[in-house]
């Protein structure tokens, strides 16, 4: 095969196009505006995803990206519940009080409690809700397991 020329069909569905960011020729199909090489295509998708997440965070909780970073730093980059590292490969979940009087629990900067990892947000807080009594019962269970009281009784014979 001879050297590809811009706009020339190379394979069945691929057309050689010039990346709008770096100017390199690419065979990447360009179904969306602005054909890009694979590297710049991934970078653009990542930027767009971050921009959408920032907009949602601002609209829902009134938090800017700087506020989010301040929260993350104040928690030393760790989940407020389990203390695992968070915010490295994906954003941490923003935990908020669902009984907030200002917004009705839909989310505002006054009801934000902290940043938690996805498992703690879904499996712990999602399952047990905002009820401190349920969490006290879990602590009581862990500190005084009922099976130990029944199975390890001392015999008085």
N, C-alpha and C. Protein backbone atom coordinates (compact mmCIF):
# COMPACT_ATOMS: atom_id res chain seq x y z
N UNK A 1 0.85 -1.18 0.00
CA UNK A 1 0.00 0.00 0.00
C UNK A 1 0.89 1.24 0.00
N UNK A 2 0.53 2.23 -0.70
CA UNK A 2 1.32 3.46 -0.78
C UNK A 2 1.00 4.36 0.40
N UNK A 3 1.77 5.42 0.55
CA UNK A 3 1.57 6.33 1.67
C UNK A 3 0.19 6.99 1.59
N UNK A 4 -0.46 7.11 2.74
CA UNK A 4 -1.82 7.66 2.80
C UNK A 4 -1.80 9.17 2.57
N UNK A 5 -2.84 9.63 1.93
CA UNK A 5 -3.03 11.05 1.68
C UNK A 5 -4.30 11.47 2.40
N UNK A 6 -4.31 12.67 2.97
CA UNK A 6 -5.46 13.14 3.72
C UNK A 6 -6.73 13.04 2.89
N UNK A 7 -7.82 12.49 3.51
CA UNK A 7 -9.10 12.35 2.84
C UNK A 7 -9.22 11.10 2.01
N UNK A 8 -8.15 10.34 1.83
CA UNK A 8 -8.16 9.14 0.99
C UNK A 8 -8.64 7.94 1.81
N UNK A 9 -9.49 7.10 1.24
CA UNK A 9 -9.97 5.91 1.91
C UNK A 9 -8.83 4.91 2.00
N UNK A 10 -8.54 4.41 3.23
CA UNK A 10 -7.45 3.49 3.44
C UNK A 10 -7.99 2.08 3.64
N UNK A 11 -8.97 1.92 4.49
CA UNK A 11 -9.61 0.63 4.73
C UNK A 11 -11.07 0.78 4.41
N UNK A 12 -11.83 -0.26 4.65
CA UNK A 12 -13.24 -0.26 4.30
C UNK A 12 -13.99 0.94 4.87
N UNK A 13 -13.76 1.27 6.16
CA UNK A 13 -14.53 2.36 6.77
C UNK A 13 -13.64 3.48 7.28
N UNK A 14 -12.35 3.31 7.25
CA UNK A 14 -11.46 4.33 7.80
C UNK A 14 -10.99 5.27 6.71
N UNK A 15 -10.97 6.53 7.04
CA UNK A 15 -10.48 7.56 6.13
C UNK A 15 -9.37 8.30 6.87
N UNK A 16 -8.30 8.57 6.18
CA UNK A 16 -7.20 9.28 6.82
C UNK A 16 -7.64 10.73 7.03
N UNK A 17 -7.51 11.17 8.28
CA UNK A 17 -7.90 12.54 8.64
C UNK A 17 -6.78 13.15 9.47
N UNK A 18 -6.80 14.43 9.55
CA UNK A 18 -5.79 15.14 10.32
C UNK A 18 -6.38 15.48 11.69
N UNK A 19 -5.63 15.16 12.75
CA UNK A 19 -6.06 15.47 14.12
C UNK A 19 -6.13 16.99 14.26
N UNK A 20 -7.25 17.48 14.79
CA UNK A 20 -7.42 18.93 14.93
C UNK A 20 -6.56 19.51 16.05
N UNK A 21 -6.04 18.65 16.94
CA UNK A 21 -5.24 19.14 18.05
C UNK A 21 -3.74 19.13 17.76
N UNK A 22 -3.24 18.04 17.16
CA UNK A 22 -1.79 17.94 16.97
C UNK A 22 -1.38 17.97 15.49
N UNK A 23 -2.33 17.81 14.57
CA UNK A 23 -2.03 17.85 13.15
C UNK A 23 -1.55 16.54 12.56
N UNK A 24 -1.44 15.50 13.39
CA UNK A 24 -1.01 14.19 12.88
C UNK A 24 -2.12 13.56 12.04
N UNK A 25 -1.70 12.76 11.04
CA UNK A 25 -2.67 12.02 10.25
C UNK A 25 -3.13 10.81 11.05
N UNK A 26 -4.42 10.52 11.00
CA UNK A 26 -4.98 9.40 11.74
C UNK A 26 -6.00 8.65 10.89
N UNK A 27 -6.11 7.34 11.11
CA UNK A 27 -7.11 6.55 10.40
C UNK A 27 -8.36 6.36 11.26
N UNK A 28 -8.40 7.01 12.42
CA UNK A 28 -9.54 6.88 13.33
C UNK A 28 -10.81 7.36 12.65
N UNK A 29 -11.86 6.52 12.63
CA UNK A 29 -13.14 6.99 12.10
C UNK A 29 -13.58 8.21 12.92
N UNK A 30 -14.16 9.18 12.28
CA UNK A 30 -14.52 10.42 12.97
C UNK A 30 -16.03 10.64 12.92
N UNK A 31 -16.80 9.89 13.75
CA UNK A 31 -18.24 10.06 13.73
C UNK A 31 -18.68 11.37 14.39
N UNK A 32 -17.78 11.98 15.20
CA UNK A 32 -18.12 13.21 15.89
C UNK A 32 -17.32 14.35 15.29
N UNK A 33 -17.76 15.59 15.47
CA UNK A 33 -17.02 16.72 14.92
C UNK A 33 -15.60 16.79 15.46
N UNK A 34 -14.71 17.27 14.65
CA UNK A 34 -13.32 17.45 15.06
C UNK A 34 -12.59 16.14 15.19
N UNK A 35 -12.18 15.55 14.10
CA UNK A 35 -11.46 14.28 14.19
C UNK A 35 -10.16 14.46 14.99
N UNK A 36 -9.88 13.48 15.84
CA UNK A 36 -8.70 13.54 16.69
C UNK A 36 -7.96 12.22 16.64
N UNK A 37 -6.67 12.28 16.93
CA UNK A 37 -5.91 11.05 17.09
C UNK A 37 -6.38 10.39 18.39
N UNK A 38 -6.05 9.12 18.60
CA UNK A 38 -6.53 8.38 19.75
C UNK A 38 -6.17 9.07 21.07
N UNK A 39 -4.97 9.58 21.17
CA UNK A 39 -4.53 10.22 22.41
C UNK A 39 -5.37 11.46 22.72
N UNK A 40 -5.55 12.33 21.74
CA UNK A 40 -6.32 13.55 21.97
C UNK A 40 -7.81 13.26 22.12
N UNK A 41 -8.29 12.20 21.50
CA UNK A 41 -9.69 11.79 21.65
C UNK A 41 -9.94 11.40 23.12
N UNK A 42 -9.04 10.59 23.72
CA UNK A 42 -9.18 10.19 25.12
C UNK A 42 -9.08 11.41 26.05
N UNK A 43 -8.13 12.29 25.78
CA UNK A 43 -7.96 13.48 26.60
C UNK A 43 -9.21 14.36 26.58
N UNK A 44 -9.80 14.52 25.40
CA UNK A 44 -11.00 15.35 25.28
C UNK A 44 -12.17 14.72 26.04
N UNK A 45 -12.33 13.40 25.91
CA UNK A 45 -13.40 12.72 26.64
C UNK A 45 -13.21 12.88 28.14
N UNK A 46 -11.98 12.79 28.61
CA UNK A 46 -11.70 12.94 30.04
C UNK A 46 -12.02 14.36 30.51
N UNK A 47 -11.60 15.37 29.73
CA UNK A 47 -11.90 16.77 30.07
C UNK A 47 -13.40 17.02 30.10
N UNK A 48 -14.12 16.49 29.10
CA UNK A 48 -15.57 16.67 29.04
C UNK A 48 -16.26 16.04 30.24
N UNK A 49 -15.80 14.85 30.62
CA UNK A 49 -16.38 14.15 31.77
C UNK A 49 -16.14 14.94 33.05
N UNK A 50 -14.94 15.47 33.23
CA UNK A 50 -14.62 16.28 34.41
C UNK A 50 -15.46 17.56 34.44
N UNK A 51 -15.61 18.18 33.29
CA UNK A 51 -16.40 19.42 33.20
C UNK A 51 -17.86 19.15 33.55
N UNK A 52 -18.41 18.03 33.09
CA UNK A 52 -19.79 17.67 33.41
C UNK A 52 -19.96 17.38 34.90
N UNK A 53 -18.99 16.67 35.48
CA UNK A 53 -19.04 16.36 36.92
C UNK A 53 -18.95 17.65 37.74
N UNK A 54 -18.09 18.58 37.32
CA UNK A 54 -17.97 19.86 38.02
C UNK A 54 -19.28 20.65 37.95
N UNK A 55 -19.91 20.65 36.78
CA UNK A 55 -21.17 21.38 36.61
C UNK A 55 -22.27 20.76 37.48
N UNK A 56 -22.33 19.43 37.54
CA UNK A 56 -23.34 18.76 38.36
C UNK A 56 -23.10 19.05 39.85
N UNK A 57 -21.84 19.02 40.27
CA UNK A 57 -21.49 19.29 41.66
C UNK A 57 -21.87 20.72 42.05
N UNK A 58 -21.64 21.66 41.15
CA UNK A 58 -21.98 23.05 41.41
C UNK A 58 -23.49 23.23 41.47
N UNK A 59 -24.21 22.62 40.53
CA UNK A 59 -25.67 22.76 40.48
C UNK A 59 -26.34 22.07 41.66
N UNK A 60 -25.87 20.87 42.02
CA UNK A 60 -26.51 20.09 43.07
C UNK A 60 -26.14 20.57 44.47
N UNK A 61 -24.85 20.77 44.73
CA UNK A 61 -24.39 21.07 46.08
C UNK A 61 -23.84 22.48 46.26
N UNK A 62 -23.71 23.23 45.16
CA UNK A 62 -23.14 24.57 45.24
C UNK A 62 -21.65 24.53 45.53
N UNK A 63 -20.98 23.40 45.19
CA UNK A 63 -19.55 23.25 45.44
C UNK A 63 -18.75 23.46 44.17
N UNK A 64 -17.69 24.22 44.26
CA UNK A 64 -16.79 24.42 43.14
C UNK A 64 -15.73 23.31 43.18
N UNK A 65 -14.99 23.13 42.10
CA UNK A 65 -13.89 22.16 42.13
C UNK A 65 -12.89 22.46 43.25
N UNK A 66 -12.69 23.74 43.57
CA UNK A 66 -11.79 24.11 44.65
C UNK A 66 -12.35 23.67 45.99
N UNK A 67 -13.68 23.81 46.18
CA UNK A 67 -14.32 23.35 47.42
C UNK A 67 -14.12 21.85 47.58
N UNK A 68 -14.30 21.11 46.49
CA UNK A 68 -14.14 19.66 46.50
C UNK A 68 -12.70 19.30 46.90
N UNK A 69 -11.72 19.97 46.30
CA UNK A 69 -10.31 19.70 46.62
C UNK A 69 -10.01 20.06 48.08
N UNK A 70 -10.61 21.15 48.58
CA UNK A 70 -10.42 21.53 49.99
C UNK A 70 -10.97 20.45 50.92
N UNK A 71 -12.16 19.93 50.60
CA UNK A 71 -12.75 18.85 51.40
C UNK A 71 -11.85 17.62 51.38
N UNK A 72 -11.40 17.26 50.18
CA UNK A 72 -10.55 16.08 50.03
C UNK A 72 -9.26 16.24 50.83
N UNK A 73 -8.67 17.42 50.77
CA UNK A 73 -7.43 17.69 51.52
C UNK A 73 -7.69 17.67 53.03
N UNK A 74 -8.83 18.20 53.46
CA UNK A 74 -9.14 18.23 54.90
C UNK A 74 -9.33 16.82 55.46
N UNK A 75 -9.67 15.88 54.60
CA UNK A 75 -9.84 14.48 55.00
C UNK A 75 -8.59 13.66 54.67
N UNK A 76 -7.51 14.34 54.32
CA UNK A 76 -6.24 13.69 53.97
C UNK A 76 -6.40 12.69 52.83
N UNK A 77 -7.32 12.99 51.90
CA UNK A 77 -7.53 12.11 50.75
C UNK A 77 -8.14 10.78 51.11
N UNK A 78 -8.85 10.73 52.23
CA UNK A 78 -9.42 9.46 52.72
C UNK A 78 -10.93 9.58 52.93
N UNK A 79 -11.59 8.44 52.82
CA UNK A 79 -13.03 8.35 53.06
C UNK A 79 -13.32 8.74 54.52
N UNK A 80 -14.36 9.54 54.72
CA UNK A 80 -14.71 9.98 56.07
C UNK A 80 -15.18 8.82 56.95
N UNK A 81 -15.60 7.71 56.36
CA UNK A 81 -16.10 6.58 57.14
C UNK A 81 -15.06 5.47 57.33
N UNK A 82 -14.51 4.96 56.22
CA UNK A 82 -13.63 3.78 56.32
C UNK A 82 -12.14 4.15 56.23
N UNK A 83 -11.84 5.38 55.92
CA UNK A 83 -10.47 5.91 55.85
C UNK A 83 -9.63 5.30 54.73
N UNK A 84 -10.27 4.73 53.71
CA UNK A 84 -9.53 4.29 52.52
C UNK A 84 -9.20 5.50 51.67
N UNK A 85 -8.16 5.38 50.84
CA UNK A 85 -7.81 6.45 49.90
C UNK A 85 -8.95 6.66 48.93
N UNK A 86 -9.29 7.90 48.66
CA UNK A 86 -10.36 8.22 47.71
C UNK A 86 -9.90 9.33 46.78
N UNK A 87 -10.65 9.49 45.70
CA UNK A 87 -10.40 10.59 44.79
C UNK A 87 -9.19 10.41 43.90
N UNK A 88 -8.64 9.19 43.81
CA UNK A 88 -7.46 8.95 42.99
C UNK A 88 -7.88 8.58 41.58
N UNK A 89 -8.57 7.46 41.43
CA UNK A 89 -8.97 7.01 40.09
C UNK A 89 -10.37 7.48 39.73
N UNK A 90 -11.18 7.75 40.71
CA UNK A 90 -12.52 8.29 40.45
C UNK A 90 -12.90 9.22 41.58
N UNK A 91 -13.84 10.09 41.29
CA UNK A 91 -14.25 11.06 42.29
C UNK A 91 -14.93 10.38 43.47
N UNK A 92 -14.73 10.95 44.62
CA UNK A 92 -15.39 10.46 45.82
C UNK A 92 -16.85 10.93 45.79
N UNK A 93 -17.70 10.17 46.45
CA UNK A 93 -19.11 10.56 46.55
C UNK A 93 -19.24 11.67 47.60
N UNK A 94 -20.12 12.61 47.33
CA UNK A 94 -20.37 13.70 48.27
C UNK A 94 -21.55 13.27 49.14
N UNK A 95 -21.27 13.03 50.42
CA UNK A 95 -22.33 12.64 51.34
C UNK A 95 -23.02 13.89 51.85
N UNK A 96 -24.35 13.82 51.89
CA UNK A 96 -25.11 14.97 52.38
C UNK A 96 -26.29 14.48 53.22
N UNK A 97 -26.78 15.36 54.06
CA UNK A 97 -27.89 15.07 54.95
C UNK A 97 -29.19 15.11 54.16
N UNK A 98 -29.87 13.97 54.11
CA UNK A 98 -31.12 13.89 53.35
C UNK A 98 -32.28 14.55 54.07
N UNK A 99 -32.06 14.96 55.31
CA UNK A 99 -33.11 15.63 56.07
C UNK A 99 -32.84 17.12 56.22
N UNK A 100 -32.04 17.67 55.36
CA UNK A 100 -31.68 19.10 55.42
C UNK A 100 -32.93 19.96 55.32
N UNK A 101 -33.03 20.92 56.20
CA UNK A 101 -34.19 21.81 56.18
C UNK A 101 -34.12 22.88 55.12
N UNK A 102 -32.94 23.22 54.67
CA UNK A 102 -32.79 24.29 53.68
C UNK A 102 -33.18 23.85 52.27
N UNK A 103 -32.81 22.60 51.90
CA UNK A 103 -33.06 22.17 50.52
C UNK A 103 -34.03 20.99 50.45
N UNK A 104 -34.48 20.52 51.59
CA UNK A 104 -35.38 19.37 51.60
C UNK A 104 -34.65 18.06 51.34
N UNK A 105 -33.34 18.06 51.47
CA UNK A 105 -32.57 16.84 51.29
C UNK A 105 -32.11 16.57 49.87
N UNK A 106 -32.42 17.48 48.95
CA UNK A 106 -32.01 17.25 47.56
C UNK A 106 -30.54 17.61 47.34
N UNK A 107 -29.96 18.38 48.25
CA UNK A 107 -28.55 18.71 48.16
C UNK A 107 -28.30 20.20 48.12
N UNK A 108 -27.47 20.67 49.02
CA UNK A 108 -27.01 22.06 49.03
C UNK A 108 -25.72 22.10 49.84
N UNK A 109 -25.02 23.19 49.81
CA UNK A 109 -23.73 23.23 50.50
C UNK A 109 -23.88 23.19 52.01
N UNK A 110 -25.07 23.46 52.54
CA UNK A 110 -25.28 23.42 53.98
C UNK A 110 -25.49 22.00 54.50
N UNK A 111 -25.85 21.07 53.62
CA UNK A 111 -26.10 19.70 54.08
C UNK A 111 -24.98 18.73 53.71
N UNK A 112 -23.93 19.22 53.07
CA UNK A 112 -22.79 18.36 52.75
C UNK A 112 -22.08 17.99 54.04
N UNK A 113 -21.87 16.67 54.25
CA UNK A 113 -21.20 16.20 55.47
C UNK A 113 -19.74 15.86 55.21
N UNK A 114 -19.43 15.37 54.01
CA UNK A 114 -18.06 14.99 53.71
C UNK A 114 -17.99 14.15 52.46
N UNK A 115 -16.79 13.63 52.19
CA UNK A 115 -16.56 12.79 51.02
C UNK A 115 -16.37 11.35 51.48
N UNK A 116 -17.03 10.44 50.78
CA UNK A 116 -16.94 9.02 51.11
C UNK A 116 -16.68 8.23 49.83
N UNK A 117 -16.15 7.02 49.99
CA UNK A 117 -15.95 6.20 48.80
C UNK A 117 -17.29 5.61 48.35
N UNK A 118 -17.31 5.07 47.16
CA UNK A 118 -18.56 4.58 46.58
C UNK A 118 -19.22 3.48 47.39
N UNK A 119 -18.42 2.56 47.94
CA UNK A 119 -18.98 1.46 48.73
C UNK A 119 -19.63 1.97 50.01
N UNK A 120 -18.95 2.87 50.71
CA UNK A 120 -19.53 3.42 51.93
C UNK A 120 -20.80 4.21 51.62
N UNK A 121 -20.80 4.93 50.53
CA UNK A 121 -21.96 5.72 50.16
C UNK A 121 -23.15 4.83 49.85
N UNK A 122 -22.92 3.80 49.07
CA UNK A 122 -24.03 2.95 48.63
C UNK A 122 -24.37 1.87 49.65
N UNK A 123 -23.36 1.13 50.10
CA UNK A 123 -23.63 -0.04 50.94
C UNK A 123 -23.81 0.29 52.42
N UNK A 124 -23.15 1.31 52.92
CA UNK A 124 -23.28 1.63 54.34
C UNK A 124 -24.37 2.68 54.53
N UNK A 125 -24.13 3.87 54.01
CA UNK A 125 -25.11 4.94 54.20
C UNK A 125 -26.41 4.67 53.43
N UNK A 126 -26.28 4.08 52.26
CA UNK A 126 -27.48 3.77 51.47
C UNK A 126 -28.37 2.75 52.14
N UNK A 127 -27.76 1.79 52.80
CA UNK A 127 -28.54 0.73 53.46
C UNK A 127 -29.11 1.20 54.79
N UNK A 128 -28.30 1.91 55.59
CA UNK A 128 -28.73 2.26 56.94
C UNK A 128 -29.26 3.69 57.06
N UNK A 129 -29.14 4.45 56.00
CA UNK A 129 -29.71 5.79 55.99
C UNK A 129 -29.02 6.74 56.94
N UNK A 130 -29.76 7.73 57.37
CA UNK A 130 -29.21 8.79 58.23
C UNK A 130 -29.62 8.57 59.69
N UNK A 131 -29.87 7.32 60.08
CA UNK A 131 -30.36 7.02 61.42
C UNK A 131 -29.21 6.61 62.35
N UNK A 132 -28.77 7.50 63.24
CA UNK A 132 -27.66 7.17 64.15
C UNK A 132 -27.95 5.96 65.04
N UNK A 133 -29.22 5.72 65.39
CA UNK A 133 -29.56 4.58 66.23
C UNK A 133 -29.21 3.25 65.56
N UNK A 134 -29.36 3.20 64.26
CA UNK A 134 -29.01 1.98 63.53
C UNK A 134 -27.50 1.74 63.59
N UNK A 135 -26.72 2.80 63.52
CA UNK A 135 -25.27 2.66 63.60
C UNK A 135 -24.84 2.31 65.03
N UNK A 136 -25.52 2.85 66.04
CA UNK A 136 -25.22 2.48 67.44
C UNK A 136 -25.50 1.00 67.66
N UNK A 137 -26.57 0.50 67.04
CA UNK A 137 -26.90 -0.93 67.16
C UNK A 137 -25.79 -1.79 66.54
N UNK A 138 -25.20 -1.33 65.45
CA UNK A 138 -24.10 -2.07 64.82
C UNK A 138 -22.89 -2.10 65.74
N UNK A 139 -22.56 -0.95 66.36
CA UNK A 139 -21.43 -0.89 67.28
C UNK A 139 -21.71 -1.82 68.47
N UNK A 140 -22.92 -1.78 68.99
CA UNK A 140 -23.29 -2.65 70.10
C UNK A 140 -23.13 -4.12 69.71
N UNK A 141 -23.55 -4.47 68.52
CA UNK A 141 -23.42 -5.84 68.02
C UNK A 141 -21.97 -6.26 67.93
N UNK A 142 -21.11 -5.38 67.42
CA UNK A 142 -19.69 -5.71 67.27
C UNK A 142 -18.98 -5.82 68.62
N UNK A 143 -19.35 -4.96 69.56
CA UNK A 143 -18.70 -4.98 70.87
C UNK A 143 -19.23 -6.08 71.78
N UNK A 144 -20.51 -6.43 71.65
CA UNK A 144 -21.13 -7.46 72.48
C UNK A 144 -21.94 -8.42 71.61
N UNK A 145 -21.25 -9.31 70.87
CA UNK A 145 -21.96 -10.23 69.98
C UNK A 145 -22.91 -11.14 70.76
N UNK A 146 -24.15 -11.26 70.32
CA UNK A 146 -25.12 -12.08 71.04
C UNK A 146 -24.72 -13.56 71.09
N UNK A 147 -24.06 -14.06 70.06
CA UNK A 147 -23.67 -15.47 70.05
C UNK A 147 -22.67 -15.75 71.16
N UNK A 148 -21.79 -14.81 71.46
CA UNK A 148 -20.81 -15.02 72.51
C UNK A 148 -21.47 -15.11 73.88
N UNK A 149 -22.53 -14.36 74.07
CA UNK A 149 -23.25 -14.41 75.35
C UNK A 149 -23.93 -15.76 75.52
N UNK A 150 -24.43 -16.33 74.44
CA UNK A 150 -25.16 -17.60 74.50
C UNK A 150 -24.22 -18.79 74.51
N UNK A 151 -23.24 -18.79 73.61
CA UNK A 151 -22.39 -19.98 73.43
C UNK A 151 -21.25 -20.10 74.44
N UNK A 152 -20.82 -19.02 75.01
CA UNK A 152 -19.67 -19.05 75.91
C UNK A 152 -20.06 -18.83 77.37
N UNK A 153 -21.24 -19.31 77.74
CA UNK A 153 -21.66 -19.19 79.14
C UNK A 153 -20.78 -20.09 80.00
N UNK A 154 -20.51 -19.66 81.16
CA UNK A 154 -19.74 -20.52 82.08
C UNK A 154 -20.71 -21.45 82.78
N UNK A 155 -20.30 -22.68 82.93
CA UNK A 155 -21.13 -23.70 83.56
C UNK A 155 -21.05 -23.57 85.07
N UNK A 156 -22.17 -23.68 85.77
CA UNK A 156 -22.19 -23.57 87.23
C UNK A 156 -22.45 -24.92 87.88
N UNK A 157 -22.01 -26.01 87.29
CA UNK A 157 -22.25 -27.36 87.82
C UNK A 157 -21.21 -27.76 88.81
